[in-house]
Amino acid sequence: MIDEAVQPLLDGFVASVRSVADVRAVWLHGSLALGDYQLGRSDLDVIVVVSSPPPPAVEDVHRELIQANPLATKLHCSYMTDLGDLSVRHPTFAHQKHFDRPVTPVTRRELAIGNRTLFGPAPAELLPAVSDEELFDFVRRDLREFWLPVTRKRGHWYNDVWVDLCLLTIARAHVTLATGDLITKRAAFDILPRLGAPADVVEDIRRRRYGPGHRTGPWWRHTRAMLARRFARTAIPAVLS
């Protein structure tokens, strides 16, 4: 079930984007598709399949939705025309900006697992399946080429989003590489202690995502940065091995 506060926003988005673009399908991925959506905290991750590159008017659709409903700031959408090539960078509106990015093997697998369709054919009818090898290669590359270099940058670790996303990504990557499964962020909290993650940091992340409250203050922020960075620097190579 989609949260009752979210469904009208998604319905309005589908109607608006169909009025300005040649839309073939609209799919959900991320927490909305996997059943771990947290109102006001989780992103609204959407894929729109279009027959031709989306016109500039789609950006107006996003901005008008944001003006009407602040929750729309979390609606992140990529517009796909080429469904088969993993390297293609697709027009995307996210974080209130327009840019291009690929639809990753993880996202493609989430689409297949979640099978959440807002309009048109289901993902399995249009989207080529992602092999385990393609999935594993992407997960390893993401850890090795993106997250491991982040551990060398001290400043990042004072920001909530970097701490939260990195540790949860490590746990989810561990499970994917070991079993081929994709797990939710909620399930990742059960994995982190087994990987040696500091308990106070894990609890801090849990409270920020699921409430109530979380720790604040410069001393904790500094301590958390040191603990999380130290854990990531050892856990990432361990997961990769």
Protein backbone atom coordinates (compact mmCIF):
# COMPACT_ATOMS: atom_id res chain seq x y z
CA MET A 1 0.00 0.00 0.00
CA ILE A 2 1.19 3.53 -0.84
CA ASP A 3 0.79 6.08 1.95
CA GLU A 4 -2.48 7.98 1.60
CA ALA A 5 -0.57 11.28 1.67
CA VAL A 6 1.58 10.16 -1.26
CA GLN A 7 -0.95 8.59 -3.62
CA PRO A 8 -2.61 11.88 -4.68
CA LEU A 9 0.80 13.38 -5.40
CA LEU A 10 1.79 10.41 -7.57
CA ASP A 11 -1.56 10.41 -9.36
CA GLY A 12 -1.20 14.13 -10.08
CA PHE A 13 2.35 13.62 -11.32
CA VAL A 14 1.31 10.86 -13.73
CA ALA A 15 -1.53 12.96 -15.15
CA SER A 16 0.66 16.05 -15.51
CA VAL A 17 3.63 14.33 -17.10
CA ARG A 18 1.38 12.46 -19.54
CA SER A 19 -0.02 15.81 -20.67
CA VAL A 20 3.41 17.04 -21.82
CA ALA A 21 5.32 13.88 -22.82
CA ASP A 22 4.70 10.66 -24.76
CA VAL A 23 4.63 8.35 -21.76
CA ARG A 24 4.69 4.59 -22.16
CA ALA A 25 4.92 3.57 -18.50
CA VAL A 26 5.48 4.92 -14.99
CA TRP A 27 7.14 2.70 -12.36
CA LEU A 28 8.16 2.98 -8.71
CA HIS A 29 11.44 1.78 -7.24
CA GLY A 30 13.37 2.31 -4.01
CA SER A 31 11.52 2.29 -0.69
CA LEU A 32 8.14 2.83 -2.33
CA ALA A 33 8.52 -0.41 -4.27
CA LEU A 34 10.20 -2.45 -1.55
CA GLY A 35 7.81 -1.55 1.27
CA ASP A 36 10.07 0.60 3.46
CA TYR A 37 8.73 4.06 2.65
CA GLN A 38 8.85 6.64 5.51
CA LEU A 39 6.67 9.69 4.97
CA GLY A 40 8.70 12.90 4.81
CA ARG A 41 12.00 11.01 5.12
CA SER A 42 12.18 8.66 2.15
CA ASP A 43 12.52 9.75 -1.46
CA LEU A 44 9.76 9.11 -3.97
CA ASP A 45 11.72 7.22 -6.63
CA VAL A 46 10.05 7.07 -10.03
CA ILE A 47 10.94 5.94 -13.54
CA VAL A 48 9.01 7.29 -16.53
CA VAL A 49 9.43 5.44 -19.82
CA VAL A 50 8.97 7.80 -22.76
CA SER A 51 8.89 7.19 -26.51
CA SER A 52 11.11 10.20 -27.23
CA PRO A 53 13.32 12.50 -25.14
CA PRO A 54 11.18 14.44 -22.66
CA PRO A 55 10.46 18.07 -23.55
CA PRO A 56 11.54 20.95 -21.30
CA ALA A 57 7.96 21.12 -20.02
CA VAL A 58 8.57 18.12 -17.75
CA GLU A 59 10.78 20.31 -15.56
CA ASP A 60 7.86 22.72 -15.24
CA VAL A 61 5.72 19.79 -14.10
CA HIS A 62 8.13 19.04 -11.27
CA ARG A 63 8.46 22.66 -10.18
CA GLU A 64 4.70 23.22 -10.21
CA LEU A 65 4.19 20.11 -8.08
CA ILE A 66 6.78 21.35 -5.58
CA GLN A 67 4.98 24.69 -5.31
CA ALA A 68 1.68 22.90 -4.68
CA ASN A 69 3.00 20.20 -2.33
CA PRO A 70 6.34 20.37 -0.46
CA LEU A 71 6.45 16.56 -0.42
CA ALA A 72 7.17 16.75 -4.17
CA THR A 73 10.72 17.95 -3.40
CA LYS A 74 11.47 14.29 -2.70
CA LEU A 75 10.02 13.07 -6.02
CA HIS A 76 13.06 11.94 -8.01
CA CYS A 77 12.41 10.82 -11.57
CA SER A 78 14.48 9.52 -14.48
CA TYR A 79 13.04 9.53 -17.99
CA MET A 80 14.06 6.46 -19.99
CA THR A 81 13.94 6.01 -23.75
CA ASP A 82 16.69 3.40 -24.24
CA LEU A 83 15.83 0.52 -21.90
CA GLY A 84 18.52 -1.95 -22.91
CA ASP A 85 21.84 -0.10 -22.57
CA LEU A 86 23.06 0.08 -18.95
CA SER A 87 25.56 2.84 -19.80
CA VAL A 88 23.00 5.36 -21.09
CA ARG A 89 22.55 8.45 -18.91
CA HIS A 90 18.89 9.39 -18.73
CA PRO A 91 17.37 12.85 -18.17
CA THR A 92 16.56 13.12 -14.47
CA PHE A 93 14.89 15.60 -12.16
CA ALA A 94 15.99 15.15 -8.54
CA HIS A 95 17.03 17.36 -5.62
CA GLN A 96 15.19 20.17 -7.47
CA LYS A 97 17.74 20.01 -10.30
CA HIS A 98 17.86 18.62 -13.83
CA PHE A 99 20.78 16.37 -14.81
CA ASP A 100 21.56 13.07 -16.54
CA ARG A 101 22.35 9.78 -14.81
CA PRO A 102 22.19 6.04 -15.58
CA VAL A 103 19.44 3.78 -14.28
CA THR A 104 21.66 1.36 -12.37
CA PRO A 105 21.43 -2.42 -12.18
CA VAL A 106 20.28 -2.04 -8.56
CA THR A 107 17.39 0.19 -9.64
CA ARG A 108 16.52 -2.17 -12.49
CA ARG A 109 16.45 -5.13 -10.10
CA GLU A 110 14.29 -3.13 -7.65
CA LEU A 111 11.86 -2.41 -10.46
CA ALA A 112 11.59 -6.11 -11.23
CA ILE A 113 11.19 -7.14 -7.58
CA GLY A 114 8.78 -4.40 -6.56
CA ASN A 115 6.70 -4.56 -9.75
CA ARG A 116 4.94 -1.31 -8.82
CA THR A 117 3.34 0.25 -11.89
CA LEU A 118 1.46 3.54 -11.86
CA PHE A 119 0.72 3.57 -15.60
CA GLY A 120 1.26 1.32 -18.61
CA PRO A 121 2.93 -2.09 -18.83
CA ALA A 122 4.78 -3.59 -15.87
CA PRO A 123 8.62 -3.46 -15.78
CA ALA A 124 8.94 -7.14 -16.76
CA GLU A 125 7.11 -6.42 -20.03
CA LEU A 126 9.48 -3.68 -21.20
CA LEU A 127 12.72 -3.79 -19.21
CA PRO A 128 15.41 -6.39 -19.97
CA ALA A 129 16.32 -8.49 -16.93
CA VAL A 130 19.54 -7.67 -15.08
CA SER A 131 21.85 -10.65 -14.57
CA ASP A 132 23.44 -11.39 -11.19
CA GLU A 133 26.83 -10.75 -12.78
CA GLU A 134 25.77 -7.26 -13.91
CA LEU A 135 24.34 -6.57 -10.46
CA PHE A 136 27.44 -7.78 -8.61
CA ASP A 137 29.79 -5.84 -10.91
CA PHE A 138 27.89 -2.63 -10.24
CA VAL A 139 27.79 -3.13 -6.46
CA ARG A 140 31.52 -3.85 -6.30
CA ARG A 141 32.35 -0.88 -8.51
CA ASP A 142 30.15 1.43 -6.42
CA LEU A 143 31.93 0.41 -3.22
CA ARG A 144 35.41 0.49 -4.72
CA GLU A 145 35.21 3.62 -6.88
CA PHE A 146 32.74 5.80 -5.00
CA TRP A 147 32.39 4.89 -1.33
CA LEU A 148 35.98 3.87 -0.57
CA PRO A 149 37.36 7.22 -1.81
CA VAL A 150 34.73 8.98 0.32
CA THR A 151 36.39 7.51 3.42
CA ARG A 152 39.45 9.66 2.65
CA LYS A 153 37.41 12.87 2.93
CA ARG A 154 36.99 13.88 6.56
CA GLY A 155 34.42 16.62 5.98
CA HIS A 156 31.77 14.32 4.50
CA TRP A 157 31.42 12.40 7.75
CA TYR A 158 29.99 15.37 9.65
CA ASN A 159 26.87 15.27 7.45
CA ASP A 160 23.94 13.02 8.39
CA VAL A 161 23.25 11.92 4.82
CA TRP A 162 26.78 10.62 4.20
CA VAL A 163 26.91 8.64 7.43
CA ASP A 164 23.43 7.18 6.98
CA LEU A 165 23.73 6.27 3.32
CA CYS A 166 27.26 4.88 3.48
CA LEU A 167 26.66 2.50 6.38
CA LEU A 168 23.33 1.28 5.02
CA THR A 169 24.88 0.83 1.57
CA ILE A 170 27.69 -1.30 3.02
CA ALA A 171 25.21 -3.61 4.77
CA ARG A 172 22.97 -3.93 1.72
CA ALA A 173 25.96 -4.55 -0.56
CA HIS A 174 27.20 -7.28 1.78
CA VAL A 175 23.90 -9.16 1.47
CA THR A 176 23.65 -8.66 -2.29
CA LEU A 177 27.16 -9.94 -2.95
CA ALA A 178 26.65 -12.90 -0.60
CA THR A 179 23.17 -13.99 -1.71
CA GLY A 180 22.10 -12.01 -4.77
CA ASP A 181 19.19 -10.52 -2.79
CA LEU A 182 18.30 -6.86 -2.39
CA ILE A 183 17.26 -5.87 1.12
CA THR A 184 15.55 -2.75 2.45
CA LYS A 185 17.23 -0.11 4.56
CA ARG A 186 15.22 -1.37 7.53
CA ALA A 187 16.65 -4.87 7.08
CA ALA A 188 20.16 -3.42 6.79
CA PHE A 189 20.06 -2.45 10.48
CA ASP A 190 20.11 -6.13 11.41
CA ILE A 191 23.22 -6.67 9.27
CA LEU A 192 25.35 -3.76 10.46
CA PRO A 193 26.16 -5.18 13.94
CA ARG A 194 27.39 -8.41 12.33
CA LEU A 195 29.81 -6.35 10.24
CA GLY A 196 31.19 -4.62 13.34
CA ALA A 197 29.43 -1.27 12.95
CA PRO A 198 29.53 0.89 16.11
CA ALA A 199 26.26 0.38 17.99
CA ASP A 200 25.77 4.04 18.91
CA VAL A 201 26.10 5.13 15.29
CA VAL A 202 23.70 2.44 14.09
CA GLU A 203 21.12 3.51 16.68
CA ASP A 204 21.59 7.15 15.69
CA ILE A 205 20.85 6.30 12.06
CA ARG A 206 17.85 4.18 13.04
CA ARG A 207 16.31 6.99 15.08
CA ARG A 208 16.86 9.52 12.32
CA ARG A 209 15.07 7.28 9.84
CA TYR A 210 12.34 5.80 12.01
CA GLY A 211 12.23 8.06 15.09
CA PRO A 212 11.77 9.19 17.73
CA GLY A 213 14.57 11.74 17.95
CA HIS A 214 18.31 11.37 17.50
CA ARG A 215 21.50 12.63 19.10
CA THR A 216 22.80 16.10 18.28
CA GLY A 217 25.58 18.43 19.32
CA PRO A 218 29.15 19.05 18.14
CA TRP A 219 30.74 16.45 20.41
CA TRP A 220 28.50 13.64 19.13
CA ARG A 221 28.83 14.80 15.52
CA HIS A 222 32.63 14.66 15.81
CA THR A 223 32.58 11.29 17.57
CA ARG A 224 30.12 9.85 15.07
CA ALA A 225 32.23 11.06 12.15
CA MET A 226 35.33 9.36 13.56
CA LEU A 227 33.53 6.07 14.33
CA ALA A 228 31.60 5.85 11.06
CA ARG A 229 34.61 6.71 8.90
CA ARG A 230 36.82 4.21 10.71
CA PHE A 231 34.20 1.48 10.29
CA ALA A 232 33.68 2.22 6.58
CA ARG A 233 37.43 2.17 5.85
CA THR A 234 37.67 -1.41 7.11
CA ALA A 235 34.22 -2.73 6.24
CA ILE A 236 34.28 -1.83 2.55
CA PRO A 237 37.46 -3.84 1.77
CA ALA A 238 36.05 -6.72 3.84
CA VAL A 239 32.79 -6.75 1.87
CA LEU A 240 34.69 -6.53 -1.42
CA SER A 241 36.86 -9.50 -0.46
